Each structure stands twice: as C-alpha cells, then as structure tokens.
Amino acid sequence: MAARARKLIVRTSATMGGALDALVEQALEERDLAPCGCSELVLAVNAAGAAPAPCTEQPHRDVETHDRDLDAFAAALADDAARGRKVALADIAYSGGAEAALEAALRAAGVAPLVHASGDEPLAVLRAALGALL
C-alpha cells in the first residue's frame, strides 16, 4: 500500500494570471505533498495578479491588480500563526526580491514566517519555502 501524501494548507495572494496553480502543483508533487484545508503547515504564496515584474519596478500594475489584497493575505497568515501553524512564505510577485508592500503588511499583522523566500525563478522559490516547512 502506498504511503499517503503529507498535507498542508496553501494560501495565495493572487493567481499570477492563472499560472500559479500549475507551479504550486508541481512543487507539491515533487515533495509528495497535497493541499488541504486543515494542517499544521502553511505554504503562503505571494503572487502577482497578472504577471510578475522585476523587484526594481515596485509597485507595478501587472502585480498590483484590483483583486489582490495583501492586508487580507497577511491577516490570514496571522490567524494561522495564532493557531500554532508553521508558515513559510514564497514571495514570487516580483522576480529578484521580496515585495516591499507585503513586508509592510506582514509587519503590521505581526507575522514572522519561518522563511520568506524570494528570487528570480518562481519554482525554485516555492521549493525553498517548502524546504523550510519539512
């Protein structure tokens, strides 16, 4: 009988123009993980609304779309932390670095993730965040 995949909660700030689901699915499959609604582990993914932009161009209209709410995202992570969940953040909204507006929202919400991974390649950033959880 095959072992059951370990479960974790996946929270996202946006959809990256619909491309985010496939990236997250790939990163989870590589680690034999499955998303669920209840777990002690949280992968938080800060994604662009439409498409990532270079971190030197913050704020950028392709990232900052009307359906993206960083304060609500940070509040959900604060609730996770208050429940004793381990939170790792993959910050892929801007390539090459962390999003300044997200860092401010996390500070305001009192959220300190285990890791705040960022970088040039979204899949590598997701892998780094997952590595901190496991």
C-alpha atoms as a PDB file:
ATOM      1  CA  MET A   1       0.000   0.000   0.000  1.00  0.00           C
ATOM      2  CA  ALA A   2       1.400   3.407  -0.985  1.00  0.00           C
ATOM      3  CA  ALA A   3       2.120   5.974   1.686  1.00  0.00           C
ATOM      4  CA  ARG A   4      -0.313   8.849   1.914  1.00  0.00           C
ATOM      5  CA  ALA A   5       0.888  12.288   0.878  1.00  0.00           C
ATOM      6  CA  ARG A   6       1.589  14.741   3.684  1.00  0.00           C
ATOM      7  CA  LYS A   7      -0.955  17.548   3.779  1.00  0.00           C
ATOM      8  CA  LEU A   8      -0.530  21.306   4.020  1.00  0.00           C
ATOM      9  CA  ILE A   9      -2.577  24.443   3.631  1.00  0.00           C
ATOM     10  CA  VAL A  10      -1.793  26.600   0.602  1.00  0.00           C
ATOM     11  CA  ARG A  11      -2.669  30.301   0.835  1.00  0.00           C
ATOM     12  CA  THR A  12      -2.200  32.629  -2.119  1.00  0.00           C
ATOM     13  CA  SER A  13      -2.457  36.374  -2.571  1.00  0.00           C
ATOM     14  CA  ALA A  14      -3.333  36.164  -6.293  1.00  0.00           C
ATOM     15  CA  THR A  15      -3.342  33.799  -9.289  1.00  0.00           C
ATOM     16  CA  MET A  16      -0.463  35.125 -11.435  1.00  0.00           C
ATOM     17  CA  GLY A  17      -2.812  35.323 -14.397  1.00  0.00           C
ATOM     18  CA  GLY A  18      -3.873  31.704 -13.887  1.00  0.00           C
ATOM     19  CA  ALA A  19      -0.316  30.307 -13.999  1.00  0.00           C
ATOM     20  CA  LEU A  20       0.111  29.846 -10.250  1.00  0.00           C
ATOM     21  CA  ASP A  21      -1.886  26.622  -9.820  1.00  0.00           C
ATOM     22  CA  ALA A  22       0.394  24.612 -12.106  1.00  0.00           C
ATOM     23  CA  LEU A  23       3.544  25.909 -10.379  1.00  0.00           C
ATOM     24  CA  VAL A  24       2.239  25.088  -6.909  1.00  0.00           C
ATOM     25  CA  GLU A  25       1.021  21.673  -8.060  1.00  0.00           C
ATOM     26  CA  GLN A  26       4.456  20.846  -9.480  1.00  0.00           C
ATOM     27  CA  ALA A  27       6.272  21.930  -6.304  1.00  0.00           C
ATOM     28  CA  LEU A  28       3.892  19.911  -4.109  1.00  0.00           C
ATOM     29  CA  GLU A  29       4.114  16.784  -6.273  1.00  0.00           C
ATOM     30  CA  GLU A  30       7.918  16.872  -6.109  1.00  0.00           C
ATOM     31  CA  ARG A  31       7.682  16.592  -2.301  1.00  0.00           C
ATOM     32  CA  ASP A  32       4.718  14.181  -2.245  1.00  0.00           C
ATOM     33  CA  LEU A  33       2.516  16.835  -0.640  1.00  0.00           C
ATOM     34  CA  ALA A  34      -1.184  17.513  -1.078  1.00  0.00           C
ATOM     35  CA  PRO A  35      -3.149  20.676  -0.379  1.00  0.00           C
ATOM     36  CA  CYS A  36      -5.886  20.515   2.239  1.00  0.00           C
ATOM     37  CA  GLY A  37      -7.986  22.783   4.411  1.00  0.00           C
ATOM     38  CA  CYS A  38      -6.599  21.686   7.760  1.00  0.00           C
ATOM     39  CA  SER A  39      -2.920  21.182   8.618  1.00  0.00           C
ATOM     40  CA  GLU A  40      -0.226  22.454  10.952  1.00  0.00           C
ATOM     41  CA  LEU A  41       1.795  23.529   7.879  1.00  0.00           C
ATOM     42  CA  VAL A  42       1.049  26.539   5.662  1.00  0.00           C
ATOM     43  CA  LEU A  43       2.659  27.386   2.349  1.00  0.00           C
ATOM     44  CA  ALA A  44       1.902  31.060   1.753  1.00  0.00           C
ATOM     45  CA  VAL A  45       2.455  32.182  -1.831  1.00  0.00           C
ATOM     46  CA  ASN A  46       2.583  35.888  -2.603  1.00  0.00           C
ATOM     47  CA  ALA A  47       1.928  36.022  -6.333  1.00  0.00           C
ATOM     48  CA  ALA A  48       1.335  38.702  -8.906  1.00  0.00           C
ATOM     49  CA  GLY A  49      -2.182  39.462 -10.006  1.00  0.00           C
ATOM     50  CA  ALA A  50      -1.423  39.196 -13.722  1.00  0.00           C
ATOM     51  CA  ALA A  51       2.323  38.629 -14.208  1.00  0.00           C
ATOM     52  CA  PRO A  52       5.498  39.002 -12.146  1.00  0.00           C
ATOM     53  CA  ALA A  53       7.648  42.100 -12.624  1.00  0.00           C
ATOM     54  CA  PRO A  54      11.249  42.896 -11.662  1.00  0.00           C
ATOM     55  CA  CYS A  55      11.569  43.838  -7.983  1.00  0.00           C
ATOM     56  CA  THR A  56      13.223  47.109  -9.022  1.00  0.00           C
ATOM     57  CA  GLU A  57       9.903  48.195 -10.580  1.00  0.00           C
ATOM     58  CA  GLN A  58       7.755  48.127  -7.408  1.00  0.00           C
ATOM     59  CA  PRO A  59       4.870  48.866  -7.468  1.00  0.00           C
ATOM     60  CA  HIS A  60       3.955  47.528 -10.903  1.00  0.00           C
ATOM     61  CA  ARG A  61       0.497  47.414 -12.491  1.00  0.00           C
ATOM     62  CA  ASP A  62       0.863  43.760 -13.587  1.00  0.00           C
ATOM     63  CA  VAL A  63       1.426  42.754  -9.959  1.00  0.00           C
ATOM     64  CA  GLU A  64      -0.871  45.167  -8.137  1.00  0.00           C
ATOM     65  CA  THR A  65      -4.235  44.148  -9.574  1.00  0.00           C
ATOM     66  CA  HIS A  66      -7.592  45.099  -8.064  1.00  0.00           C
ATOM     67  CA  ASP A  67      -8.328  41.549  -6.829  1.00  0.00           C
ATOM     68  CA  ARG A  68      -5.123  41.354  -4.763  1.00  0.00           C
ATOM     69  CA  ASP A  69      -5.442  42.252  -1.042  1.00  0.00           C
ATOM     70  CA  LEU A  70      -2.147  41.992   0.827  1.00  0.00           C
ATOM     71  CA  ASP A  71      -3.689  43.088   4.135  1.00  0.00           C
ATOM     72  CA  ALA A  72      -6.237  40.244   3.995  1.00  0.00           C
ATOM     73  CA  PHE A  73      -3.464  37.821   2.967  1.00  0.00           C
ATOM     74  CA  ALA A  74      -1.320  38.919   5.937  1.00  0.00           C
ATOM     75  CA  ALA A  75      -4.329  38.714   8.275  1.00  0.00           C
ATOM     76  CA  ALA A  76      -4.980  35.107   7.208  1.00  0.00           C
ATOM     77  CA  LEU A  77      -1.325  34.273   7.907  1.00  0.00           C
ATOM     78  CA  ALA A  78      -1.551  35.981  11.304  1.00  0.00           C
ATOM     79  CA  ASP A  79      -4.542  33.770  12.101  1.00  0.00           C
ATOM     80  CA  ASP A  80      -2.558  30.701  11.035  1.00  0.00           C
ATOM     81  CA  ALA A  81       0.346  31.701  13.283  1.00  0.00           C
ATOM     82  CA  ALA A  82      -2.033  32.332  16.202  1.00  0.00           C
ATOM     83  CA  ARG A  83      -3.334  28.765  15.736  1.00  0.00           C
ATOM     84  CA  GLY A  84       0.215  27.452  16.075  1.00  0.00           C
ATOM     85  CA  ARG A  85       0.681  26.632  12.410  1.00  0.00           C
ATOM     86  CA  LYS A  86       4.114  26.831  10.788  1.00  0.00           C
ATOM     87  CA  VAL A  87       4.083  29.360   7.941  1.00  0.00           C
ATOM     88  CA  ALA A  88       6.632  29.515   5.113  1.00  0.00           C
ATOM     89  CA  LEU A  89       6.346  32.287   2.554  1.00  0.00           C
ATOM     90  CA  ALA A  90       7.212  32.033  -1.145  1.00  0.00           C
ATOM     91  CA  ASP A  91       7.304  35.605  -2.458  1.00  0.00           C
ATOM     92  CA  ILE A  92       7.094  35.344  -6.251  1.00  0.00           C
ATOM     93  CA  ALA A  93       5.154  38.501  -7.122  1.00  0.00           C
ATOM     94  CA  TYR A  94       8.358  40.293  -8.108  1.00  0.00           C
ATOM     95  CA  SER A  95      11.354  38.491  -9.581  1.00  0.00           C
ATOM     96  CA  GLY A  96      14.669  39.070  -7.912  1.00  0.00           C
ATOM     97  CA  GLY A  97      13.484  40.076  -4.461  1.00  0.00           C
ATOM     98  CA  ALA A  98      10.782  40.455  -1.855  1.00  0.00           C
ATOM     99  CA  GLU A  99       7.770  42.726  -2.234  1.00  0.00           C
ATOM    100  CA  ALA A 100       8.085  45.799  -0.004  1.00  0.00           C
ATOM    101  CA  ALA A 101       4.303  46.233   0.378  1.00  0.00           C
ATOM    102  CA  LEU A 102       3.952  42.640   1.552  1.00  0.00           C
ATOM    103  CA  GLU A 103       6.746  43.060   4.090  1.00  0.00           C
ATOM    104  CA  ALA A 104       4.919  46.100   5.492  1.00  0.00           C
ATOM    105  CA  ALA A 105       1.607  44.184   5.644  1.00  0.00           C
ATOM    106  CA  LEU A 106       3.297  41.272   7.451  1.00  0.00           C
ATOM    107  CA  ARG A 107       4.885  43.633   9.993  1.00  0.00           C
ATOM    108  CA  ALA A 108       1.537  45.349  10.598  1.00  0.00           C
ATOM    109  CA  ALA A 109      -0.145  41.958  11.128  1.00  0.00           C
ATOM    110  CA  GLY A 110       2.672  40.703  13.369  1.00  0.00           C
ATOM    111  CA  VAL A 111       3.557  37.795  11.073  1.00  0.00           C
ATOM    112  CA  ALA A 112       7.053  36.309  11.121  1.00  0.00           C
ATOM    113  CA  PRO A 113       7.179  33.322   8.742  1.00  0.00           C
ATOM    114  CA  LEU A 114       9.757  30.558   9.196  1.00  0.00           C
ATOM    115  CA  VAL A 115      11.247  31.695   5.905  1.00  0.00           C
ATOM    116  CA  HIS A 116      10.489  34.488   3.457  1.00  0.00           C
ATOM    117  CA  ALA A 117      11.873  33.043   0.239  1.00  0.00           C
ATOM    118  CA  SER A 118      12.221  35.163  -2.884  1.00  0.00           C
ATOM    119  CA  GLY A 119      14.307  35.068  -6.030  1.00  0.00           C
ATOM    120  CA  ASP A 120      14.363  35.025  -9.801  1.00  0.00           C
ATOM    121  CA  GLU A 121      12.734  31.660 -10.513  1.00  0.00           C
ATOM    122  CA  PRO A 122       9.258  31.019  -9.047  1.00  0.00           C
ATOM    123  CA  LEU A 123       9.562  27.222  -8.837  1.00  0.00           C
ATOM    124  CA  ALA A 124      12.899  27.491  -7.003  1.00  0.00           C
ATOM    125  CA  VAL A 125      11.326  29.950  -4.552  1.00  0.00           C
ATOM    126  CA  LEU A 126       8.418  27.556  -3.915  1.00  0.00           C
ATOM    127  CA  ARG A 127      10.891  24.716  -3.338  1.00  0.00           C
ATOM    128  CA  ALA A 128      12.867  26.807  -0.844  1.00  0.00           C
ATOM    129  CA  ALA A 129       9.751  27.696   1.140  1.00  0.00           C
ATOM    130  CA  LEU A 130       8.604  24.071   1.203  1.00  0.00           C
ATOM    131  CA  GLY A 131      12.065  23.013   2.338  1.00  0.00           C
ATOM    132  CA  ALA A 132      11.726  25.226   5.410  1.00  0.00           C
ATOM    133  CA  LEU A 133       8.419  23.549   6.341  1.00  0.00           C
ATOM    134  CA  LEU A 134       9.623  19.962   6.057  1.00  0.00           C
END
